[in-house]
PDB file of N, CA and C in Angstrom:
ATOM      1  N   UNK A   1       1.296  -0.958  -0.298  1.00  0.00           N
ATOM      2  CA  UNK A   1      -0.347  -0.036   0.622  1.00  0.00           C
ATOM      3  C   UNK A   1       0.645   1.178   0.169  1.00  0.00           C
ATOM      4  N   UNK A   2       0.740   1.686  -1.067  1.00  0.00           N
ATOM      5  CA  UNK A   2       1.853   3.320  -0.869  1.00  0.00           C
ATOM      6  C   UNK A   2       0.588   4.170  -0.353  1.00  0.00           C
ATOM      7  N   UNK A   3       1.768   5.421  -0.103  1.00  0.00           N
ATOM      8  CA  UNK A   3       1.360   6.655   1.462  1.00  0.00           C
ATOM      9  C   UNK A   3       0.032   7.179   0.787  1.00  0.00           C
ATOM     10  N   UNK A   4      -0.915   7.915   1.136  1.00  0.00           N
ATOM     11  CA  UNK A   4      -1.897   7.991   1.045  1.00  0.00           C
ATOM     12  C   UNK A   4      -1.739   9.385   2.003  1.00  0.00           C
ATOM     13  N   UNK A   5      -2.123  11.582   1.200  1.00  0.00           N
ATOM     14  CA  UNK A   5      -1.716  12.148   0.728  1.00  0.00           C
ATOM     15  C   UNK A   5      -3.119  12.683   1.693  1.00  0.00           C
ATOM     16  N   UNK A   6      -3.043  12.294   3.337  1.00  0.00           N
ATOM     17  CA  UNK A   6      -4.571  12.745   4.173  1.00  0.00           C
ATOM     18  C   UNK A   6      -5.109  14.289   3.969  1.00  0.00           C
ATOM     19  N   UNK A   7      -4.004  15.345   3.207  1.00  0.00           N
ATOM     20  CA  UNK A   7      -4.059  16.837   2.987  1.00  0.00           C
ATOM     21  C   UNK A   7      -4.945  16.589   1.968  1.00  0.00           C
ATOM     22  N   UNK A   8      -5.143  15.077   0.686  1.00  0.00           N
ATOM     23  CA  UNK A   8      -5.634  15.218  -0.369  1.00  0.00           C
ATOM     24  C   UNK A   8      -7.137  14.731  -0.112  1.00  0.00           C
ATOM     25  N   UNK A   9      -6.718  14.049   0.163  1.00  0.00           N
ATOM     26  CA  UNK A   9      -8.042  13.713   1.090  1.00  0.00           C
ATOM     27  C   UNK A   9      -9.068  14.370   0.923  1.00  0.00           C
ATOM     28  N   UNK A  10      -8.764  15.690   2.626  1.00  0.00           N
ATOM     29  CA  UNK A  10      -9.251  16.214   3.486  1.00  0.00           C
ATOM     30  C   UNK A  10      -9.938  16.955   2.427  1.00  0.00           C
ATOM     31  N   UNK A  11      -9.668  17.609   1.110  1.00  0.00           N
ATOM     32  CA  UNK A  11      -9.030  18.968   0.658  1.00  0.00           C
ATOM     33  C   UNK A  11     -10.101  18.250  -0.429  1.00  0.00           C
ATOM     34  N   UNK A  12     -10.429  16.943  -0.982  1.00  0.00           N
ATOM     35  CA  UNK A  12     -11.159  16.576  -1.887  1.00  0.00           C
ATOM     36  C   UNK A  12     -13.017  16.184  -1.641  1.00  0.00           C
ATOM     37  N   UNK A  13     -12.960  16.066   0.028  1.00  0.00           N
ATOM     38  CA  UNK A  13     -14.097  15.988   1.213  1.00  0.00           C
ATOM     39  C   UNK A  13     -14.840  17.019   2.039  1.00  0.00           C
ATOM     40  N   UNK A  14     -13.638  18.039   2.310  1.00  0.00           N
ATOM     41  CA  UNK A  14     -14.288  19.096   2.913  1.00  0.00           C
ATOM     42  C   UNK A  14     -13.658  18.910   4.039  1.00  0.00           C
ATOM     43  N   UNK A  15     -13.569  18.063   4.952  1.00  0.00           N
ATOM     44  CA  UNK A  15     -13.600  17.774   6.462  1.00  0.00           C
ATOM     45  C   UNK A  15     -13.175  15.820   6.690  1.00  0.00           C
ATOM     46  N   UNK A  16     -12.855  16.066   8.117  1.00  0.00           N
ATOM     47  CA  UNK A  16     -12.502  14.579   8.894  1.00  0.00           C
ATOM     48  C   UNK A  16     -13.650  13.884   8.885  1.00  0.00           C
ATOM     49  N   UNK A  17     -14.211  13.849   9.487  1.00  0.00           N
ATOM     50  CA  UNK A  17     -15.724  13.851   9.595  1.00  0.00           C
ATOM     51  C   UNK A  17     -16.772  13.011   8.438  1.00  0.00           C
ATOM     52  N   UNK A  18     -16.185  14.042   7.845  1.00  0.00           N
ATOM     53  CA  UNK A  18     -16.935  13.177   6.246  1.00  0.00           C
ATOM     54  C   UNK A  18     -16.121  12.234   5.555  1.00  0.00           C
ATOM     55  N   UNK A  19     -14.252  12.583   6.197  1.00  0.00           N
ATOM     56  CA  UNK A  19     -13.510  11.089   5.952  1.00  0.00           C
ATOM     57  C   UNK A  19     -13.781  10.051   6.162  1.00  0.00           C
ATOM     58  N   UNK A  20     -13.668  10.286   7.511  1.00  0.00           N
ATOM     59  CA  UNK A  20     -14.440   8.712   8.572  1.00  0.00           C
ATOM     60  C   UNK A  20     -15.260   8.147   7.898  1.00  0.00           C
ATOM     61  N   UNK A  21     -16.463   9.277   7.652  1.00  0.00           N
ATOM     62  CA  UNK A  21     -16.880   8.672   7.638  1.00  0.00           C
ATOM     63  C   UNK A  21     -17.741   7.499   5.867  1.00  0.00           C
ATOM     64  N   UNK A  22     -17.467   8.448   4.913  1.00  0.00           N
ATOM     65  CA  UNK A  22     -17.267   8.229   3.426  1.00  0.00           C
ATOM     66  C   UNK A  22     -16.189   7.014   3.808  1.00  0.00           C
ATOM     67  N   UNK A  23     -15.106   7.208   4.455  1.00  0.00           N
ATOM     68  CA  UNK A  23     -13.954   6.308   4.153  1.00  0.00           C
ATOM     69  C   UNK A  23     -14.421   4.382   4.553  1.00  0.00           C
ATOM     70  N   UNK A  24     -15.438   4.888   5.900  1.00  0.00           N
ATOM     71  CA  UNK A  24     -15.998   3.833   6.441  1.00  0.00           C
ATOM     72  C   UNK A  24     -17.048   3.285   5.906  1.00  0.00           C
ATOM     73  N   UNK A  25     -18.296   4.164   5.454  1.00  0.00           N
ATOM     74  CA  UNK A  25     -19.416   3.285   4.553  1.00  0.00           C
ATOM     75  C   UNK A  25     -19.054   3.009   3.309  1.00  0.00           C
ATOM     76  N   UNK A  26     -16.930   3.648   2.425  1.00  0.00           N
ATOM     77  CA  UNK A  26     -17.013   2.179   1.466  1.00  0.00           C
ATOM     78  C   UNK A  26     -16.210   0.695   1.351  1.00  0.00           C
ATOM     79  N   UNK A  27     -15.881   0.750   2.931  1.00  0.00           N
ATOM     80  CA  UNK A  27     -14.973  -0.201   3.567  1.00  0.00           C
ATOM     81  C   UNK A  27     -15.978  -1.166   3.612  1.00  0.00           C
ATOM     82  N   UNK A  28     -17.190  -0.972   3.502  1.00  0.00           N
ATOM     83  CA  UNK A  28     -17.940  -1.160   4.542  1.00  0.00           C
ATOM     84  C   UNK A  28     -19.002  -3.038   3.031  1.00  0.00           C
ATOM     85  N   UNK A  29     -19.117  -1.637   1.998  1.00  0.00           N
ATOM     86  CA  UNK A  29     -19.347  -1.969   0.282  1.00  0.00           C
ATOM     87  C   UNK A  29     -18.290  -3.147  -0.077  1.00  0.00           C
ATOM     88  N   UNK A  30     -16.955  -2.495   0.092  1.00  0.00           N
ATOM     89  CA  UNK A  30     -16.054  -3.542  -0.140  1.00  0.00           C
ATOM     90  C   UNK A  30     -16.354  -4.829   0.436  1.00  0.00           C
ATOM     91  N   UNK A  31     -16.475  -5.256   1.421  1.00  0.00           N
ATOM     92  CA  UNK A  31     -16.079  -6.228   2.544  1.00  0.00           C
ATOM     93  C   UNK A  31     -17.082  -6.601   2.041  1.00  0.00           C
ATOM     94  N   UNK A  32     -18.494  -6.391   1.652  1.00  0.00           N
ATOM     95  CA  UNK A  32     -19.692  -7.160   1.264  1.00  0.00           C
ATOM     96  C   UNK A  32     -19.804  -7.869  -0.317  1.00  0.00           C
ATOM     97  N   UNK A  33     -17.989  -7.269  -0.647  1.00  0.00           N
ATOM     98  CA  UNK A  33     -18.080  -7.416  -2.131  1.00  0.00           C
ATOM     99  C   UNK A  33     -18.969  -6.927  -3.302  1.00  0.00           C
ATOM    100  N   UNK A  34     -18.324  -5.346  -2.984  1.00  0.00           N
ATOM    101  CA  UNK A  34     -18.586  -4.731  -4.365  1.00  0.00           C
ATOM    102  C   UNK A  34     -17.461  -4.434  -5.164  1.00  0.00           C
ATOM    103  N   UNK A  35     -17.166  -4.328  -5.966  1.00  0.00           N
ATOM    104  CA  UNK A  35     -16.148  -4.277  -6.696  1.00  0.00           C
ATOM    105  C   UNK A  35     -15.178  -2.952  -6.255  1.00  0.00           C
ATOM    106  N   UNK A  36     -13.459  -2.987  -6.642  1.00  0.00           N
ATOM    107  CA  UNK A  36     -13.286  -2.066  -6.427  1.00  0.00           C
ATOM    108  C   UNK A  36     -12.930  -1.438  -7.514  1.00  0.00           C
ATOM    109  N   UNK A  37     -12.779  -0.318  -7.231  1.00  0.00           N
ATOM    110  CA  UNK A  37     -13.410   1.023  -8.991  1.00  0.00           C
ATOM    111  C   UNK A  37     -12.157   1.530  -9.235  1.00  0.00           C
ATOM    112  N   UNK A  38     -11.172   1.193  -8.549  1.00  0.00           N
ATOM    113  CA  UNK A  38      -9.601   1.576  -8.903  1.00  0.00           C
ATOM    114  C   UNK A  38      -8.728   0.573 -10.066  1.00  0.00           C
ATOM    115  N   UNK A  39      -9.731  -1.179 -10.315  1.00  0.00           N
ATOM    116  CA  UNK A  39      -8.888  -1.276 -10.850  1.00  0.00           C
ATOM    117  C   UNK A  39      -7.516  -2.348 -10.668  1.00  0.00           C
ATOM    118  N   UNK A  40      -7.728  -2.566  -9.406  1.00  0.00           N
ATOM    119  CA  UNK A  40      -6.209  -2.939  -8.669  1.00  0.00           C
ATOM    120  C   UNK A  40      -6.984  -4.062  -8.506  1.00  0.00           C
ATOM    121  N   UNK A  41      -5.898  -5.288  -8.024  1.00  0.00           N
ATOM    122  CA  UNK A  41      -6.132  -6.242  -7.306  1.00  0.00           C
ATOM    123  C   UNK A  41      -6.959  -5.900  -6.092  1.00  0.00           C
ATOM    124  N   UNK A  42      -7.821  -7.057  -5.688  1.00  0.00           N
ATOM    125  CA  UNK A  42      -8.634  -6.331  -4.245  1.00  0.00           C
ATOM    126  C   UNK A  42      -7.941  -6.806  -3.428  1.00  0.00           C
ATOM    127  N   UNK A  43      -7.329  -6.022  -2.203  1.00  0.00           N
ATOM    128  CA  UNK A  43      -6.422  -5.018  -0.988  1.00  0.00           C
ATOM    129  C   UNK A  43      -6.927  -6.158  -0.020  1.00  0.00           C
ATOM    130  N   UNK A  44      -6.377  -6.460   1.029  1.00  0.00           N
ATOM    131  CA  UNK A  44      -6.647  -7.356   2.187  1.00  0.00           C
ATOM    132  C   UNK A  44      -7.025  -6.047   3.254  1.00  0.00           C
ATOM    133  N   UNK A  45      -6.992  -5.052   2.753  1.00  0.00           N
ATOM    134  CA  UNK A  45      -7.569  -4.478   3.912  1.00  0.00           C
ATOM    135  C   UNK A  45      -8.703  -3.438   3.449  1.00  0.00           C
ATOM    136  N   UNK A  46     -10.180  -3.135   3.433  1.00  0.00           N
ATOM    137  CA  UNK A  46     -10.862  -2.863   2.915  1.00  0.00           C
ATOM    138  C   UNK A  46     -10.796  -1.098   2.747  1.00  0.00           C
ATOM    139  N   UNK A  47     -10.463  -0.892   3.953  1.00  0.00           N
ATOM    140  CA  UNK A  47     -10.094   0.477   4.100  1.00  0.00           C
ATOM    141  C   UNK A  47      -8.815   1.981   3.183  1.00  0.00           C
ATOM    142  N   UNK A  48      -8.245   0.777   3.266  1.00  0.00           N
ATOM    143  CA  UNK A  48      -7.210   0.890   2.322  1.00  0.00           C
ATOM    144  C   UNK A  48      -7.788   1.184   0.341  1.00  0.00           C
ATOM    145  N   UNK A  49      -7.823   0.359   0.591  1.00  0.00           N
ATOM    146  CA  UNK A  49      -8.907   0.560  -0.611  1.00  0.00           C
ATOM    147  C   UNK A  49     -10.155   1.441  -1.233  1.00  0.00           C
ATOM    148  N   UNK A  50     -11.063   2.140   0.376  1.00  0.00           N
ATOM    149  CA  UNK A  50     -12.011   2.554   0.472  1.00  0.00           C
ATOM    150  C   UNK A  50     -10.846   4.387   0.417  1.00  0.00           C
ATOM    151  N   UNK A  51      -9.734   4.329   0.891  1.00  0.00           N
ATOM    152  CA  UNK A  51      -9.253   5.886   1.108  1.00  0.00           C
ATOM    153  C   UNK A  51      -8.843   5.634  -0.148  1.00  0.00           C
ATOM    154  N   UNK A  52      -8.058   5.085  -1.731  1.00  0.00           N
ATOM    155  CA  UNK A  52      -7.486   5.386  -1.893  1.00  0.00           C
ATOM    156  C   UNK A  52      -8.417   5.749  -3.624  1.00  0.00           C
ATOM    157  N   UNK A  53      -9.373   4.930  -3.541  1.00  0.00           N
ATOM    158  CA  UNK A  53     -10.789   4.922  -4.641  1.00  0.00           C
ATOM    159  C   UNK A  53     -11.557   6.828  -3.944  1.00  0.00           C
ATOM    160  N   UNK A  54     -11.175   7.435  -2.725  1.00  0.00           N
ATOM    161  CA  UNK A  54     -11.652   8.532  -2.556  1.00  0.00           C
ATOM    162  C   UNK A  54     -10.709   9.602  -3.171  1.00  0.00           C
ATOM    163  N   UNK A  55      -9.424   9.165  -2.723  1.00  0.00           N
ATOM    164  CA  UNK A  55      -8.306   9.625  -3.289  1.00  0.00           C
ATOM    165  C   UNK A  55      -7.942   9.812  -4.726  1.00  0.00           C
ATOM    166  N   UNK A  56      -8.249   9.066  -5.708  1.00  0.00           N
ATOM    167  CA  UNK A  56      -8.677   9.142  -6.498  1.00  0.00           C
ATOM    168  C   UNK A  56     -10.146   9.862  -7.968  1.00  0.00           C
ATOM    169  N   UNK A  57     -10.767   9.871  -6.815  1.00  0.00           N
ATOM    170  CA  UNK A  57     -11.834  10.710  -6.835  1.00  0.00           C
ATOM    171  C   UNK A  57     -12.741   9.711  -8.016  1.00  0.00           C
ATOM    172  N   UNK A  58     -12.862   8.551  -7.865  1.00  0.00           N
ATOM    173  CA  UNK A  58     -13.995   7.404  -8.066  1.00  0.00           C
ATOM    174  C   UNK A  58     -15.224   7.694  -6.899  1.00  0.00           C
ATOM    175  N   UNK A  59     -14.939   8.117  -6.250  1.00  0.00           N
ATOM    176  CA  UNK A  59     -16.025   7.456  -4.910  1.00  0.00           C
ATOM    177  C   UNK A  59     -17.638   9.600  -5.028  1.00  0.00           C
ATOM    178  N   UNK A  60     -18.195   9.428  -5.217  1.00  0.00           N
ATOM    179  CA  UNK A  60     -18.705  10.660  -5.232  1.00  0.00           C
ATOM    180  C   UNK A  60     -19.837  10.657  -3.839  1.00  0.00           C
ATOM    181  N   UNK A  61     -20.358  11.138  -3.150  1.00  0.00           N
ATOM    182  CA  UNK A  61     -21.277  11.341  -2.441  1.00  0.00           C
ATOM    183  C   UNK A  61     -22.016  12.245  -2.334  1.00  0.00           C
ATOM    184  N   UNK A  62     -23.644  12.686  -1.482  1.00  0.00           N
ATOM    185  CA  UNK A  62     -23.634  13.858  -1.808  1.00  0.00           C
ATOM    186  C   UNK A  62     -24.298  14.336   0.301  1.00  0.00           C
ATOM    187  N   UNK A  63     -24.960  14.955   0.222  1.00  0.00           N
ATOM    188  CA  UNK A  63     -24.935  15.615   1.414  1.00  0.00           C
ATOM    189  C   UNK A  63     -27.008  16.009   1.374  1.00  0.00           C
ATOM    190  N   UNK A  64     -27.661  14.999   2.165  1.00  0.00           N
ATOM    191  CA  UNK A  64     -28.616  15.270   2.473  1.00  0.00           C
ATOM    192  C   UNK A  64     -29.036  16.673   2.384  1.00  0.00           C
ATOM    193  N   UNK A  65     -30.030  17.113   2.144  1.00  0.00           N
ATOM    194  CA  UNK A  65     -30.541  18.865   2.492  1.00  0.00           C
ATOM    195  C   UNK A  65     -31.306  18.468   3.736  1.00  0.00           C
ATOM    196  N   UNK A  66     -31.157  19.262   5.122  1.00  0.00           N
ATOM    197  CA  UNK A  66     -32.714  18.869   6.041  1.00  0.00           C
ATOM    198  C   UNK A  66     -33.453  19.777   5.787  1.00  0.00           C
ATOM    199  N   UNK A  67     -34.826  19.463   6.005  1.00  0.00           N
ATOM    200  CA  UNK A  67     -36.198  19.836   5.771  1.00  0.00           C
ATOM    201  C   UNK A  67     -36.595  20.645   7.223  1.00  0.00           C
TER     202      UNK A  67
END
């Protein structure tokens, strides 16, 4: 696993809280059998794969508006 630039991730997502939530949700999807979007072989640690996908801009998210 190559080093992932945390500042780059924070710039993409906006906050540490959003990064943690997004990473954990994606890691759960990967552990449940979702395809790895980076095209790499599956990693033993889904958290690393999720961080790499976010770093590469392959994961998008929407913030729900308050009613």
